[in-house]
Amino acid sequence: MDGRFDVKRLAVLDGSSGRPLLVLDRGAIGQRLSLGGRRGSEAASLGASQFGVVFLHVGLDPGARIPATLIHEIDGFAEPLKTDLSMQIAETPVIDEPLPVLAAPLRGGGYVAGDGCCDSIRHVRALLPLNGAFRLAQRFAIDWERIDGENRIVRGDLKDVRSYRIYGEPVLAVADGAVVGARDDLPDQVPGALPPNLPIAEADGNFVVIDIGGGAFVLYAHLRPGRVRVRVGERVRRGEPIGEVGNSGNSQAPHLHLHVMDHASGLLANGLPYVFESYTISASDEAGTADFDRAEATGSPLTLTPRSPPLAVRHALPLDLSVVDWGSSP
């Protein structure tokens, strides 16, 4: 017997009022429902004994009340029963608490927020089955790269890490805290492709983890070998240099991977939301991830839409492919 359930509609409702906050049709579901939670297995149907994870972002209008709970409403066709079914499931409390406010992780301007919030998939959907549970440490991660005056990420030999604008840039502590993890012995990878058969213990490359208090930990990954300046047990101050941008670990181009999580392990953790204290957005790559990937792979300029005047932002997380200026360079 065919045990398939075809998902036709998914709605996220305000748990108190029942008001729809997000409604997806079958086409949108087919882009977001990952069978087994595995990225790249998207479908709009579940087979017998299958499960899936739907990756959602629910936006609210400016000034709107944050719901206390969310309810999920699913409509679909159950093949074994030859009938349509509708169900409301998974009432979920909304966590509405103060977020960690971070200082700048880098100096100067021209930094591109790669693979960030909200519909990019490399971080947001990096769900991993580890030690018998699913973990999503990278839920709010950003890969920071830097462009030059001609909007290029890289200029010259694409296989040389020094050709990339961001390589060697000082990495700064985003808050006061204690160093609870660090590594500095792995080589830079040759740019152009992710390294094959990399042990999971080396995925973050050279890294630093800082306990910033309140159950929040900051991970800096893929740092330059021999340039990590802090050791486990040391305390750091906000703005203090802790290393340099490199290309170690599971990386195909020099960048700074940064995220906040609920445990000290870069993998055995779940990502926490956070905001930066202040920054300016000077442009964005509205051509999307494909344009960013092309620029990184070929050295061609990013296709940027400038903001005129630049947008000053406080206590927010930059959206995907925003170009961020942190302040004056040394």
C-alpha atoms as a PDB file:
ATOM      1  CA  MET A   1       0.000   0.000   0.000  1.00  0.00           C
ATOM      2  CA  ASP A   2       1.222   3.462  -0.829  1.00  0.00           C
ATOM      3  CA  GLY A   3       1.780   5.272   2.482  1.00  0.00           C
ATOM      4  CA  ARG A   4       2.447   8.663   0.896  1.00  0.00           C
ATOM      5  CA  PHE A   5       1.162  11.904   2.415  1.00  0.00           C
ATOM      6  CA  ASP A   6       1.190  14.838   0.002  1.00  0.00           C
ATOM      7  CA  VAL A   7       1.547  18.149   1.836  1.00  0.00           C
ATOM      8  CA  LYS A   8      -0.573  20.770   0.065  1.00  0.00           C
ATOM      9  CA  ARG A   9      -0.543  23.671   2.509  1.00  0.00           C
ATOM     10  CA  LEU A  10       1.314  24.648   5.646  1.00  0.00           C
ATOM     11  CA  ALA A  11       0.364  27.635   7.777  1.00  0.00           C
ATOM     12  CA  VAL A  12       1.947  29.124  10.887  1.00  0.00           C
ATOM     13  CA  LEU A  13      -0.713  30.648  13.146  1.00  0.00           C
ATOM     14  CA  ASP A  14      -0.638  33.004  16.103  1.00  0.00           C
ATOM     15  CA  GLY A  15      -1.484  30.593  18.932  1.00  0.00           C
ATOM     16  CA  SER A  16      -3.742  33.095  20.681  1.00  0.00           C
ATOM     17  CA  SER A  17      -5.724  34.597  17.826  1.00  0.00           C
ATOM     18  CA  GLY A  18      -5.402  31.918  15.160  1.00  0.00           C
ATOM     19  CA  ARG A  19      -4.278  34.590  12.698  1.00  0.00           C
ATOM     20  CA  PRO A  20      -2.077  33.213   9.876  1.00  0.00           C
ATOM     21  CA  LEU A  21       1.463  34.609  10.035  1.00  0.00           C
ATOM     22  CA  LEU A  22       2.875  32.535   7.171  1.00  0.00           C
ATOM     23  CA  VAL A  23       1.183  30.344   4.549  1.00  0.00           C
ATOM     24  CA  LEU A  24       3.074  28.052   2.162  1.00  0.00           C
ATOM     25  CA  ASP A  25       1.585  26.334  -0.883  1.00  0.00           C
ATOM     26  CA  ARG A  26       2.794  23.003  -2.238  1.00  0.00           C
ATOM     27  CA  GLY A  27       5.474  24.599  -4.396  1.00  0.00           C
ATOM     28  CA  ALA A  28       6.996  26.487  -1.471  1.00  0.00           C
ATOM     29  CA  ILE A  29       6.758  23.408   0.748  1.00  0.00           C
ATOM     30  CA  GLY A  30       8.705  21.416  -1.824  1.00  0.00           C
ATOM     31  CA  GLN A  31      11.593  23.861  -1.434  1.00  0.00           C
ATOM     32  CA  ARG A  32      11.622  23.730   2.379  1.00  0.00           C
ATOM     33  CA  LEU A  33      10.617  20.217   3.492  1.00  0.00           C
ATOM     34  CA  SER A  34      13.847  18.205   3.817  1.00  0.00           C
ATOM     35  CA  LEU A  35      13.329  14.461   4.108  1.00  0.00           C
ATOM     36  CA  GLY A  36      15.128  13.167   7.159  1.00  0.00           C
ATOM     37  CA  GLY A  37      16.269  16.732   7.800  1.00  0.00           C
ATOM     38  CA  ARG A  38      18.953  16.268   5.123  1.00  0.00           C
ATOM     39  CA  ARG A  39      19.805  19.291   3.017  1.00  0.00           C
ATOM     40  CA  GLY A  40      19.292  18.554  -0.677  1.00  0.00           C
ATOM     41  CA  SER A  41      16.449  16.049  -0.135  1.00  0.00           C
ATOM     42  CA  GLU A  42      13.600  18.562  -0.439  1.00  0.00           C
ATOM     43  CA  ALA A  43      10.147  17.254  -1.394  1.00  0.00           C
ATOM     44  CA  ALA A  44       6.466  17.976  -0.828  1.00  0.00           C
ATOM     45  CA  SER A  45       5.518  14.407   0.094  1.00  0.00           C
ATOM     46  CA  LEU A  46       6.345  12.011   2.912  1.00  0.00           C
ATOM     47  CA  GLY A  47       6.484   8.281   2.333  1.00  0.00           C
ATOM     48  CA  ALA A  48       5.637   5.544   4.791  1.00  0.00           C
ATOM     49  CA  SER A  49       7.751   5.836   7.973  1.00  0.00           C
ATOM     50  CA  GLN A  50       9.507   8.950   6.670  1.00  0.00           C
ATOM     51  CA  PHE A  51       9.916  12.193   8.547  1.00  0.00           C
ATOM     52  CA  GLY A  52      10.913  15.612   7.367  1.00  0.00           C
ATOM     53  CA  VAL A  53      11.971  19.003   8.657  1.00  0.00           C
ATOM     54  CA  VAL A  54      10.423  22.186   7.271  1.00  0.00           C
ATOM     55  CA  PHE A  55      12.768  25.175   7.576  1.00  0.00           C
ATOM     56  CA  LEU A  56      10.726  28.331   8.171  1.00  0.00           C
ATOM     57  CA  HIS A  57      11.244  32.004   8.893  1.00  0.00           C
ATOM     58  CA  VAL A  58       8.185  33.937  10.019  1.00  0.00           C
ATOM     59  CA  GLY A  59       8.354  37.693   9.519  1.00  0.00           C
ATOM     60  CA  LEU A  60       6.256  40.189  11.470  1.00  0.00           C
ATOM     61  CA  ASP A  61       5.236  43.683  10.477  1.00  0.00           C
ATOM     62  CA  PRO A  62       7.198  46.489  12.176  1.00  0.00           C
ATOM     63  CA  GLY A  63       5.761  47.134  15.622  1.00  0.00           C
ATOM     64  CA  ALA A  64       3.601  44.001  15.565  1.00  0.00           C
ATOM     65  CA  ARG A  65       3.034  42.111  18.808  1.00  0.00           C
ATOM     66  CA  ILE A  66       5.215  39.034  19.163  1.00  0.00           C
ATOM     67  CA  PRO A  67       2.971  35.968  19.585  1.00  0.00           C
ATOM     68  CA  ALA A  68       3.270  33.991  22.804  1.00  0.00           C
ATOM     69  CA  THR A  69       2.891  30.708  20.907  1.00  0.00           C
ATOM     70  CA  LEU A  70       2.797  29.415  17.346  1.00  0.00           C
ATOM     71  CA  ILE A  71       0.570  26.653  15.974  1.00  0.00           C
ATOM     72  CA  HIS A  72       1.270  24.793  12.740  1.00  0.00           C
ATOM     73  CA  GLU A  73      -1.616  23.856  10.452  1.00  0.00           C
ATOM     74  CA  ILE A  74      -1.051  21.219   7.780  1.00  0.00           C
ATOM     75  CA  ASP A  75      -3.373  20.281   4.910  1.00  0.00           C
ATOM     76  CA  GLY A  76      -2.676  17.368   2.629  1.00  0.00           C
ATOM     77  CA  PHE A  77      -3.816  14.218   0.885  1.00  0.00           C
ATOM     78  CA  ALA A  78      -3.356  10.866   2.637  1.00  0.00           C
ATOM     79  CA  GLU A  79      -2.932   8.229  -0.051  1.00  0.00           C
ATOM     80  CA  PRO A  80      -3.772   5.202   2.201  1.00  0.00           C
ATOM     81  CA  LEU A  81      -7.095   6.807   3.187  1.00  0.00           C
ATOM     82  CA  LYS A  82      -7.801   8.335  -0.239  1.00  0.00           C
ATOM     83  CA  THR A  83      -8.855  11.542   1.458  1.00  0.00           C
ATOM     84  CA  ASP A  84      -7.742  15.034   2.345  1.00  0.00           C
ATOM     85  CA  LEU A  85      -6.708  15.654   5.940  1.00  0.00           C
ATOM     86  CA  SER A  86      -6.149  18.813   7.961  1.00  0.00           C
ATOM     87  CA  MET A  87      -4.454  18.977  11.342  1.00  0.00           C
ATOM     88  CA  GLN A  88      -3.124  21.514  13.802  1.00  0.00           C
ATOM     89  CA  ILE A  89       0.045  20.388  15.546  1.00  0.00           C
ATOM     90  CA  ALA A  90       3.180  21.468  17.368  1.00  0.00           C
ATOM     91  CA  GLU A  91       2.077  24.393  19.512  1.00  0.00           C
ATOM     92  CA  THR A  92       5.400  26.085  20.170  1.00  0.00           C
ATOM     93  CA  PRO A  93       6.250  28.767  22.738  1.00  0.00           C
ATOM     94  CA  VAL A  94       8.011  31.813  21.301  1.00  0.00           C
ATOM     95  CA  ILE A  95      11.166  32.774  23.171  1.00  0.00           C
ATOM     96  CA  ASP A  96      11.130  36.541  23.593  1.00  0.00           C
ATOM     97  CA  GLU A  97      14.223  37.334  25.646  1.00  0.00           C
ATOM     98  CA  PRO A  98      17.038  39.894  25.340  1.00  0.00           C
ATOM     99  CA  LEU A  99      19.627  38.813  22.780  1.00  0.00           C
ATOM    100  CA  PRO A 100      23.416  38.926  23.071  1.00  0.00           C
ATOM    101  CA  VAL A 101      24.626  42.276  21.732  1.00  0.00           C
ATOM    102  CA  LEU A 102      28.001  41.896  20.020  1.00  0.00           C
ATOM    103  CA  ALA A 103      30.659  44.408  19.066  1.00  0.00           C
ATOM    104  CA  ALA A 104      32.332  44.328  15.651  1.00  0.00           C
ATOM    105  CA  PRO A 105      34.308  41.125  14.905  1.00  0.00           C
ATOM    106  CA  LEU A 106      36.415  42.940  12.269  1.00  0.00           C
ATOM    107  CA  ARG A 107      37.712  46.436  11.528  1.00  0.00           C
ATOM    108  CA  GLY A 108      36.851  48.704   8.637  1.00  0.00           C
ATOM    109  CA  GLY A 109      34.372  48.301   5.808  1.00  0.00           C
ATOM    110  CA  GLY A 110      33.447  46.275   2.756  1.00  0.00           C
ATOM    111  CA  TYR A 111      32.541  43.070   4.599  1.00  0.00           C
ATOM    112  CA  VAL A 112      29.971  40.817   2.928  1.00  0.00           C
ATOM    113  CA  ALA A 113      27.610  38.825   5.169  1.00  0.00           C
ATOM    114  CA  GLY A 114      27.694  35.517   3.301  1.00  0.00           C
ATOM    115  CA  ASP A 115      25.151  32.719   3.813  1.00  0.00           C
ATOM    116  CA  GLY A 116      23.332  34.663   6.513  1.00  0.00           C
ATOM    117  CA  CYS A 117      19.706  35.101   7.497  1.00  0.00           C
ATOM    118  CA  CYS A 118      17.225  34.182   6.297  1.00  0.00           C
ATOM    119  CA  ASP A 119      16.670  32.017   3.228  1.00  0.00           C
ATOM    120  CA  SER A 120      20.211  30.983   2.384  1.00  0.00           C
ATOM    121  CA  ILE A 121      20.590  27.278   3.095  1.00  0.00           C
ATOM    122  CA  ARG A 122      24.227  26.447   3.835  1.00  0.00           C
ATOM    123  CA  HIS A 123      24.063  27.482   7.484  1.00  0.00           C
ATOM    124  CA  VAL A 124      20.355  27.676   8.249  1.00  0.00           C
ATOM    125  CA  ARG A 125      19.789  24.086   7.095  1.00  0.00           C
ATOM    126  CA  ALA A 126      23.029  22.555   8.390  1.00  0.00           C
ATOM    127  CA  LEU A 127      21.123  20.127  10.634  1.00  0.00           C
ATOM    128  CA  LEU A 128      23.438  17.357  11.878  1.00  0.00           C
ATOM    129  CA  PRO A 129      22.610  14.066  13.652  1.00  0.00           C
ATOM    130  CA  LEU A 130      25.256  13.920  16.394  1.00  0.00           C
ATOM    131  CA  ASN A 131      25.367  11.657  19.443  1.00  0.00           C
ATOM    132  CA  GLY A 132      21.756  10.592  18.994  1.00  0.00           C
ATOM    133  CA  ALA A 133      20.214  14.046  18.559  1.00  0.00           C
ATOM    134  CA  PHE A 134      19.831  16.681  15.881  1.00  0.00           C
ATOM    135  CA  ARG A 135      21.967  19.815  16.292  1.00  0.00           C
ATOM    136  CA  LEU A 136      21.832  23.070  14.361  1.00  0.00           C
ATOM    137  CA  ALA A 137      24.755  25.093  15.673  1.00  0.00           C
ATOM    138  CA  GLN A 138      25.003  27.244  12.525  1.00  0.00           C
ATOM    139  CA  ARG A 139      21.381  28.439  12.479  1.00  0.00           C
ATOM    140  CA  PHE A 140      22.427  32.130  12.745  1.00  0.00           C
ATOM    141  CA  ALA A 141      25.973  31.857  11.378  1.00  0.00           C
ATOM    142  CA  ILE A 142      27.534  34.317   8.931  1.00  0.00           C
ATOM    143  CA  ASP A 143      30.567  33.791   6.690  1.00  0.00           C
ATOM    144  CA  TRP A 144      32.312  37.154   6.496  1.00  0.00           C
ATOM    145  CA  GLU A 145      34.276  37.977   3.344  1.00  0.00           C
ATOM    146  CA  ARG A 146      35.670  41.340   2.228  1.00  0.00           C
ATOM    147  CA  ILE A 147      35.630  43.200  -1.082  1.00  0.00           C
ATOM    148  CA  ASP A 148      38.123  45.687  -2.473  1.00  0.00           C
ATOM    149  CA  GLY A 149      37.437  49.028  -4.155  1.00  0.00           C
ATOM    150  CA  GLU A 150      36.271  47.244  -7.309  1.00  0.00           C
ATOM    151  CA  ASN A 151      33.861  44.949  -5.406  1.00  0.00           C
ATOM    152  CA  ARG A 152      36.134  41.913  -5.834  1.00  0.00           C
ATOM    153  CA  ILE A 153      36.547  39.228  -3.180  1.00  0.00           C
ATOM    154  CA  VAL A 154      39.737  37.944  -4.776  1.00  0.00           C
ATOM    155  CA  ARG A 155      42.268  39.375  -7.209  1.00  0.00           C
ATOM    156  CA  GLY A 156      45.125  37.416  -8.764  1.00  0.00           C
ATOM    157  CA  ASP A 157      45.962  33.742  -8.230  1.00  0.00           C
ATOM    158  CA  LEU A 158      42.730  32.042  -7.118  1.00  0.00           C
ATOM    159  CA  LYS A 159      44.714  29.235  -5.463  1.00  0.00           C
ATOM    160  CA  ASP A 160      46.709  31.615  -3.230  1.00  0.00           C
ATOM    161  CA  VAL A 161      45.033  32.526   0.062  1.00  0.00           C
ATOM    162  CA  ARG A 162      46.820  35.883  -0.001  1.00  0.00           C
ATOM    163  CA  SER A 163      44.887  36.876  -3.123  1.00  0.00           C
ATOM    164  CA  TYR A 164      41.696  37.147  -1.094  1.00  0.00           C
ATOM    165  CA  ARG A 165      40.953  40.580   0.319  1.00  0.00           C
ATOM    166  CA  ILE A 166      40.011  39.341   3.787  1.00  0.00           C
ATOM    167  CA  TYR A 167      42.973  37.029   4.352  1.00  0.00           C
ATOM    168  CA  GLY A 168      45.010  37.990   7.407  1.00  0.00           C
ATOM    169  CA  GLU A 169      42.553  40.607   8.686  1.00  0.00           C
ATOM    170  CA  PRO A 170      42.591  40.911  12.507  1.00  0.00           C
ATOM    171  CA  VAL A 171      39.696  39.148  14.241  1.00  0.00           C
ATOM    172  CA  LEU A 172      38.343  40.880  17.347  1.00  0.00           C
ATOM    173  CA  ALA A 173      36.605  39.710  20.514  1.00  0.00           C
ATOM    174  CA  VAL A 174      32.947  40.701  20.198  1.00  0.00           C
ATOM    175  CA  ALA A 175      32.424  40.768  23.979  1.00  0.00           C
ATOM    176  CA  ASP A 176      34.233  40.307  27.259  1.00  0.00           C
ATOM    177  CA  GLY A 177      34.543  36.644  28.149  1.00  0.00           C
ATOM    178  CA  ALA A 178      36.587  33.547  28.857  1.00  0.00           C
ATOM    179  CA  VAL A 179      38.299  31.434  26.203  1.00  0.00           C
ATOM    180  CA  VAL A 180      36.908  27.897  26.509  1.00  0.00           C
ATOM    181  CA  GLY A 181      38.163  26.471  23.218  1.00  0.00           C
ATOM    182  CA  ALA A 182      41.034  27.177  20.829  1.00  0.00           C
ATOM    183  CA  ARG A 183      43.166  25.512  18.157  1.00  0.00           C
ATOM    184  CA  ASP A 184      46.042  26.838  16.068  1.00  0.00           C
ATOM    185  CA  ASP A 185      47.850  23.906  14.407  1.00  0.00           C
ATOM    186  CA  LEU A 186      45.954  23.241  11.169  1.00  0.00           C
ATOM    187  CA  PRO A 187      47.182  24.471   7.768  1.00  0.00           C
ATOM    188  CA  ASP A 188      45.276  26.723   5.398  1.00  0.00           C
ATOM    189  CA  GLN A 189      43.429  24.840   2.664  1.00  0.00           C
ATOM    190  CA  VAL A 190      44.088  25.534  -0.999  1.00  0.00           C
ATOM    191  CA  PRO A 191      41.162  27.727  -2.138  1.00  0.00           C
ATOM    192  CA  GLY A 192      38.728  26.605  -4.803  1.00  0.00           C
ATOM    193  CA  ALA A 193      37.055  23.534  -3.285  1.00  0.00           C
ATOM    194  CA  LEU A 194      36.137  22.062   0.071  1.00  0.00           C
ATOM    195  CA  PRO A 195      38.782  19.592   1.265  1.00  0.00           C
ATOM    196  CA  PRO A 196      37.823  15.916   0.794  1.00  0.00           C
ATOM    197  CA  ASN A 197      37.624  13.418   3.653  1.00  0.00           C
ATOM    198  CA  LEU A 198      38.187  16.035   6.345  1.00  0.00           C
ATOM    199  CA  PRO A 199      37.780  14.615   9.886  1.00  0.00           C
ATOM    200  CA  ILE A 200      34.800  16.148  11.650  1.00  0.00           C
ATOM    201  CA  ALA A 201      37.094  17.285  14.460  1.00  0.00           C
ATOM    202  CA  GLU A 202      38.856  19.564  11.942  1.00  0.00           C
ATOM    203  CA  ALA A 203      35.717  21.082  10.389  1.00  0.00           C
ATOM    204  CA  ASP A 204      36.157  24.439  12.155  1.00  0.00           C
ATOM    205  CA  GLY A 205      39.864  24.549  11.373  1.00  0.00           C
ATOM    206  CA  ASN A 206      41.792  26.798  13.719  1.00  0.00           C
ATOM    207  CA  PHE A 207      39.197  28.318  15.996  1.00  0.00           C
ATOM    208  CA  VAL A 208      38.389  30.209  19.169  1.00  0.00           C
ATOM    209  CA  VAL A 209      35.319  29.766  21.400  1.00  0.00           C
ATOM    210  CA  ILE A 210      34.540  32.480  23.951  1.00  0.00           C
ATOM    211  CA  ASP A 211      32.054  32.116  26.790  1.00  0.00           C
ATOM    212  CA  ILE A 212      30.360  35.542  26.875  1.00  0.00           C
ATOM    213  CA  GLY A 213      27.997  34.655  29.728  1.00  0.00           C
ATOM    214  CA  GLY A 214      24.274  34.037  29.936  1.00  0.00           C
ATOM    215  CA  GLY A 215      24.655  30.579  28.397  1.00  0.00           C
ATOM    216  CA  ALA A 216      26.027  32.014  25.125  1.00  0.00           C
ATOM    217  CA  PHE A 217      29.275  31.019  23.393  1.00  0.00           C
ATOM    218  CA  VAL A 218      30.829  32.658  20.318  1.00  0.00           C
ATOM    219  CA  LEU A 219      32.653  30.562  17.725  1.00  0.00           C
ATOM    220  CA  TYR A 220      35.264  32.016  15.357  1.00  0.00           C
ATOM    221  CA  ALA A 221      36.294  29.427  12.746  1.00  0.00           C
ATOM    222  CA  HIS A 222      38.797  28.911   9.871  1.00  0.00           C
ATOM    223  CA  LEU A 223      41.490  31.132  11.415  1.00  0.00           C
ATOM    224  CA  ARG A 224      45.001  31.581  10.025  1.00  0.00           C
ATOM    225  CA  PRO A 225      47.526  29.038  11.317  1.00  0.00           C
ATOM    226  CA  GLY A 226      50.012  30.314  13.852  1.00  0.00           C
ATOM    227  CA  ARG A 227      48.063  33.540  14.455  1.00  0.00           C
ATOM    228  CA  VAL A 228      45.590  32.573  17.196  1.00  0.00           C
ATOM    229  CA  ARG A 229      46.572  34.858  20.077  1.00  0.00           C
ATOM    230  CA  VAL A 230      44.565  33.390  22.951  1.00  0.00           C
ATOM    231  CA  ARG A 231      44.566  30.153  24.882  1.00  0.00           C
ATOM    232  CA  VAL A 232      41.969  28.237  26.878  1.00  0.00           C
ATOM    233  CA  GLY A 233      41.525  29.744  30.346  1.00  0.00           C
ATOM    234  CA  GLU A 234      42.451  33.288  29.337  1.00  0.00           C
ATOM    235  CA  ARG A 235      40.015  36.167  29.548  1.00  0.00           C
ATOM    236  CA  VAL A 236      39.525  38.567  26.668  1.00  0.00           C
ATOM    237  CA  ARG A 237      38.163  42.077  26.460  1.00  0.00           C
ATOM    238  CA  ARG A 238      35.762  43.376  23.840  1.00  0.00           C
ATOM    239  CA  GLY A 239      37.697  44.658  20.801  1.00  0.00           C
ATOM    240  CA  GLU A 240      40.861  42.707  21.656  1.00  0.00           C
ATOM    241  CA  PRO A 241      42.577  40.975  18.678  1.00  0.00           C
ATOM    242  CA  ILE A 242      42.313  37.192  19.087  1.00  0.00           C
ATOM    243  CA  GLY A 243      43.542  35.936  15.713  1.00  0.00           C
ATOM    244  CA  GLU A 244      43.517  36.500  11.960  1.00  0.00           C
ATOM    245  CA  VAL A 245      41.230  35.406   9.143  1.00  0.00           C
ATOM    246  CA  GLY A 246      42.453  32.266   7.402  1.00  0.00           C
ATOM    247  CA  ASN A 247      41.280  29.302   5.353  1.00  0.00           C
ATOM    248  CA  SER A 248      41.750  26.323   7.659  1.00  0.00           C
ATOM    249  CA  GLY A 249      39.281  23.471   8.145  1.00  0.00           C
ATOM    250  CA  ASN A 250      36.190  22.923   5.992  1.00  0.00           C
ATOM    251  CA  SER A 251      36.666  26.036   3.889  1.00  0.00           C
ATOM    252  CA  GLN A 252      37.032  26.747   0.168  1.00  0.00           C
ATOM    253  CA  ALA A 253      37.986  30.430   0.416  1.00  0.00           C
ATOM    254  CA  PRO A 254      39.372  32.607   3.212  1.00  0.00           C
ATOM    255  CA  HIS A 255      36.592  33.925   5.430  1.00  0.00           C
ATOM    256  CA  LEU A 256      35.585  34.365   9.046  1.00  0.00           C
ATOM    257  CA  HIS A 257      32.800  32.042  10.147  1.00  0.00           C
ATOM    258  CA  LEU A 258      31.080  33.428  13.244  1.00  0.00           C
ATOM    259  CA  HIS A 259      28.071  32.234  15.192  1.00  0.00           C
ATOM    260  CA  VAL A 260      26.644  32.161  18.710  1.00  0.00           C
ATOM    261  CA  MET A 261      25.587  28.867  20.316  1.00  0.00           C
ATOM    262  CA  ASP A 262      24.356  27.356  23.571  1.00  0.00           C
ATOM    263  CA  HIS A 263      27.367  25.114  24.317  1.00  0.00           C
ATOM    264  CA  ALA A 264      31.136  25.332  23.939  1.00  0.00           C
ATOM    265  CA  SER A 265      31.315  22.812  21.067  1.00  0.00           C
ATOM    266  CA  GLY A 266      31.130  24.206  17.546  1.00  0.00           C
ATOM    267  CA  LEU A 267      29.034  21.210  16.467  1.00  0.00           C
ATOM    268  CA  LEU A 268      27.374  19.741  19.594  1.00  0.00           C
ATOM    269  CA  ALA A 269      25.317  22.874  20.128  1.00  0.00           C
ATOM    270  CA  ASN A 270      22.300  24.749  18.872  1.00  0.00           C
ATOM    271  CA  GLY A 271      22.611  28.206  17.406  1.00  0.00           C
ATOM    272  CA  LEU A 272      21.360  31.222  19.339  1.00  0.00           C
ATOM    273  CA  PRO A 273      20.117  34.475  17.811  1.00  0.00           C
ATOM    274  CA  TYR A 274      22.242  37.575  18.395  1.00  0.00           C
ATOM    275  CA  VAL A 275      22.574  41.162  17.199  1.00  0.00           C
ATOM    276  CA  PHE A 276      25.448  43.548  16.567  1.00  0.00           C
ATOM    277  CA  GLU A 277      25.592  46.801  18.481  1.00  0.00           C
ATOM    278  CA  SER A 278      26.015  49.045  15.434  1.00  0.00           C
ATOM    279  CA  TYR A 279      27.103  48.989  11.798  1.00  0.00           C
ATOM    280  CA  THR A 280      26.357  50.618   8.457  1.00  0.00           C
ATOM    281  CA  ILE A 281      25.044  48.918   5.315  1.00  0.00           C
ATOM    282  CA  SER A 282      26.577  50.462   2.210  1.00  0.00           C
ATOM    283  CA  ALA A 283      25.219  48.007  -0.400  1.00  0.00           C
ATOM    284  CA  SER A 284      23.724  44.562  -0.934  1.00  0.00           C
ATOM    285  CA  ASP A 285      24.083  41.813  -3.521  1.00  0.00           C
ATOM    286  CA  GLU A 286      20.499  41.487  -4.696  1.00  0.00           C
ATOM    287  CA  ALA A 287      21.616  39.116  -7.455  1.00  0.00           C
ATOM    288  CA  GLY A 288      21.844  36.457  -4.767  1.00  0.00           C
ATOM    289  CA  THR A 289      24.040  33.545  -3.752  1.00  0.00           C
ATOM    290  CA  ALA A 290      24.849  32.514  -7.318  1.00  0.00           C
ATOM    291  CA  ASP A 291      26.404  35.932  -7.946  1.00  0.00           C
ATOM    292  CA  PHE A 292      28.392  35.706  -4.704  1.00  0.00           C
ATOM    293  CA  ASP A 293      29.630  32.205  -5.601  1.00  0.00           C
ATOM    294  CA  ARG A 294      30.652  33.368  -9.069  1.00  0.00           C
ATOM    295  CA  ALA A 295      32.624  36.294  -7.657  1.00  0.00           C
ATOM    296  CA  GLU A 296      34.404  34.039  -5.188  1.00  0.00           C
ATOM    297  CA  ALA A 297      35.204  31.399  -7.813  1.00  0.00           C
ATOM    298  CA  THR A 298      36.343  33.678 -10.646  1.00  0.00           C
ATOM    299  CA  GLY A 299      37.511  36.969  -9.155  1.00  0.00           C
ATOM    300  CA  SER A 300      34.817  38.930 -10.979  1.00  0.00           C
ATOM    301  CA  PRO A 301      33.144  41.829  -9.146  1.00  0.00           C
ATOM    302  CA  LEU A 302      30.015  41.345  -7.086  1.00  0.00           C
ATOM    303  CA  THR A 303      26.843  42.772  -8.598  1.00  0.00           C
ATOM    304  CA  LEU A 304      26.035  45.268  -5.862  1.00  0.00           C
ATOM    305  CA  THR A 305      23.120  47.609  -5.328  1.00  0.00           C
ATOM    306  CA  PRO A 306      24.430  50.591  -3.332  1.00  0.00           C
ATOM    307  CA  ARG A 307      22.533  52.186  -0.448  1.00  0.00           C
ATOM    308  CA  SER A 308      22.475  55.951  -0.803  1.00  0.00           C
ATOM    309  CA  PRO A 309      22.825  57.188   1.793  1.00  0.00           C
ATOM    310  CA  PRO A 310      24.235  54.183   3.675  1.00  0.00           C
ATOM    311  CA  LEU A 311      21.870  52.729   6.261  1.00  0.00           C
ATOM    312  CA  ALA A 312      22.965  53.059   9.901  1.00  0.00           C
ATOM    313  CA  VAL A 313      21.767  50.070  11.938  1.00  0.00           C
ATOM    314  CA  ARG A 314      21.723  49.316  15.656  1.00  0.00           C
ATOM    315  CA  HIS A 315      20.943  46.099  17.529  1.00  0.00           C
ATOM    316  CA  ALA A 316      20.189  43.951  14.494  1.00  0.00           C
ATOM    317  CA  LEU A 317      21.618  41.050  12.511  1.00  0.00           C
ATOM    318  CA  PRO A 318      22.716  41.849   8.940  1.00  0.00           C
ATOM    319  CA  LEU A 319      20.676  40.072   6.293  1.00  0.00           C
ATOM    320  CA  ASP A 320      22.291  37.769   3.758  1.00  0.00           C
ATOM    321  CA  LEU A 321      24.705  39.442   1.313  1.00  0.00           C
ATOM    322  CA  SER A 322      24.597  42.846   2.962  1.00  0.00           C
ATOM    323  CA  VAL A 323      27.832  44.836   2.688  1.00  0.00           C
ATOM    324  CA  VAL A 324      28.706  45.977   6.204  1.00  0.00           C
ATOM    325  CA  ASP A 325      31.017  48.751   7.394  1.00  0.00           C
ATOM    326  CA  TRP A 326      32.137  48.432  11.012  1.00  0.00           C
ATOM    327  CA  GLY A 327      34.029  51.691  11.339  1.00  0.00           C
ATOM    328  CA  SER A 328      37.442  53.143  10.668  1.00  0.00           C
ATOM    329  CA  SER A 329      40.300  50.826   9.778  1.00  0.00           C
ATOM    330  CA  PRO A 330      43.620  51.075  11.613  1.00  0.00           C
END
